[in-house]
């Protein structure tokens, strides 16, 4: 099962490449916290929902220096069709999505 998930995640990412968030920041953070199989499972769960994709994008924002956050925030507001205050609220709410995905994954 875990092996299949590891094979399905790249396919899922390729299928949604145009709208897919950059998962690099997610994997850098996740690798420090747990095994890669759990990271793959959580990523797959998060990529299923809009709020989950926002959570992945939010990790990328969190990695940036302060002076580079504003351009990326503008990009994300356009990507998700939100205003900056709405994006902020959604990013905070997406943390619950990450916790829920973590509970679902072994």
Protein backbone atom coordinates (compact mmCIF):
# COMPACT_ATOMS: atom_id res chain seq x y z
CA UNK A 1 0.00 0.00 0.00
CA UNK A 2 2.70 2.49 0.97
CA UNK A 3 4.71 1.58 -2.11
CA UNK A 4 1.72 2.28 -4.34
CA UNK A 5 1.19 5.65 -2.65
CA UNK A 6 4.81 6.59 -3.33
CA UNK A 7 4.22 5.78 -7.00
CA UNK A 8 0.87 7.55 -7.19
CA UNK A 9 1.99 10.87 -5.70
CA UNK A 10 4.22 11.87 -8.65
CA UNK A 11 1.41 10.93 -11.03
CA UNK A 12 -1.04 13.02 -9.05
CA UNK A 13 1.37 15.96 -9.11
CA UNK A 14 1.91 15.62 -12.86
CA UNK A 15 -1.82 15.45 -13.53
CA UNK A 16 -2.43 18.70 -11.67
CA UNK A 17 0.83 20.44 -12.62
CA UNK A 18 -0.81 23.66 -13.75
CA UNK A 19 -2.53 24.29 -10.44
CA UNK A 20 -0.34 22.23 -8.15
CA UNK A 21 1.47 23.99 -5.34
CA UNK A 22 5.22 23.67 -4.96
CA UNK A 23 5.66 20.76 -2.55
CA UNK A 24 9.39 21.32 -2.00
CA UNK A 25 8.92 23.36 1.18
CA UNK A 26 6.43 20.82 2.50
CA UNK A 27 8.84 17.93 2.01
CA UNK A 28 11.78 19.83 3.52
CA UNK A 29 9.74 20.47 6.67
CA UNK A 30 8.08 17.05 6.79
CA UNK A 31 11.34 15.11 6.42
CA UNK A 32 12.56 16.61 9.70
CA UNK A 33 9.43 15.43 11.52
CA UNK A 34 8.77 11.91 10.29
CA UNK A 35 9.30 9.12 7.78
CA UNK A 36 8.96 9.80 4.07
CA UNK A 37 6.03 7.39 3.71
CA UNK A 38 4.01 9.51 6.13
CA UNK A 39 5.06 12.67 4.27
CA UNK A 40 3.85 11.17 0.98
CA UNK A 41 0.53 10.23 2.57
CA UNK A 42 0.01 13.68 4.07
CA UNK A 43 0.93 15.38 0.79
CA UNK A 44 -1.56 13.22 -1.10
CA UNK A 45 -4.28 14.08 1.42
CA UNK A 46 -3.50 17.80 1.23
CA UNK A 47 -3.45 17.89 -2.55
CA UNK A 48 -7.04 16.63 -2.62
CA UNK A 49 -8.53 19.84 -1.20
CA UNK A 50 -8.20 23.53 -1.97
CA UNK A 51 -7.41 24.36 1.63
CA UNK A 52 -4.81 21.59 1.70
CA UNK A 53 -3.11 23.02 -1.38
CA UNK A 54 -3.13 26.40 0.37
CA UNK A 55 -1.41 24.79 3.35
CA UNK A 56 1.36 23.50 1.10
CA UNK A 57 1.73 26.94 -0.49
CA UNK A 58 1.74 28.49 2.98
CA UNK A 59 4.83 26.52 3.93
CA UNK A 60 6.62 27.98 0.94
CA UNK A 61 5.68 31.48 2.11
CA UNK A 62 6.91 30.72 5.63
CA UNK A 63 10.38 29.84 4.30
CA UNK A 64 10.91 33.15 2.54
CA UNK A 65 12.67 36.22 3.90
CA UNK A 66 10.28 39.02 4.81
CA UNK A 67 11.07 41.12 1.72
CA UNK A 68 10.10 38.30 -0.65
CA UNK A 69 6.77 37.42 0.97
CA UNK A 70 4.69 40.20 -0.62
CA UNK A 71 5.24 39.13 -4.27
CA UNK A 72 4.43 35.52 -3.46
CA UNK A 73 1.35 36.56 -1.49
CA UNK A 74 0.16 38.52 -4.53
CA UNK A 75 0.70 35.43 -6.69
CA UNK A 76 -1.30 33.28 -4.27
CA UNK A 77 -4.19 35.76 -4.04
CA UNK A 78 -4.47 35.59 -7.83
CA UNK A 79 -4.10 31.80 -7.88
CA UNK A 80 -6.88 31.23 -5.34
CA UNK A 81 -9.05 34.23 -6.25
CA UNK A 82 -8.90 35.79 -2.80
CA UNK A 83 -8.07 39.14 -1.29
CA UNK A 84 -4.99 39.33 0.96
CA UNK A 85 -7.05 39.34 4.20
CA UNK A 86 -9.07 36.35 2.94
CA UNK A 87 -5.86 34.53 2.02
CA UNK A 88 -4.48 35.15 5.51
CA UNK A 89 -7.61 33.70 7.11
CA UNK A 90 -7.53 30.67 4.78
CA UNK A 91 -3.84 30.04 5.44
CA UNK A 92 -4.46 30.02 9.19
CA UNK A 93 -7.43 27.70 8.76
CA UNK A 94 -5.39 25.38 6.55
CA UNK A 95 -3.29 24.40 9.55
CA UNK A 96 -6.25 22.31 10.72
CA UNK A 97 -6.21 20.57 7.34
CA UNK A 98 -2.58 19.57 7.88
CA UNK A 99 -3.33 18.18 11.34
CA UNK A 100 -6.31 16.21 10.01
CA UNK A 101 -4.19 14.75 7.21
CA UNK A 102 -1.52 13.78 9.72
CA UNK A 103 -4.09 11.91 11.80
CA UNK A 104 -5.33 9.97 8.74
CA UNK A 105 -1.87 8.79 7.74
CA UNK A 106 -0.08 5.89 9.46
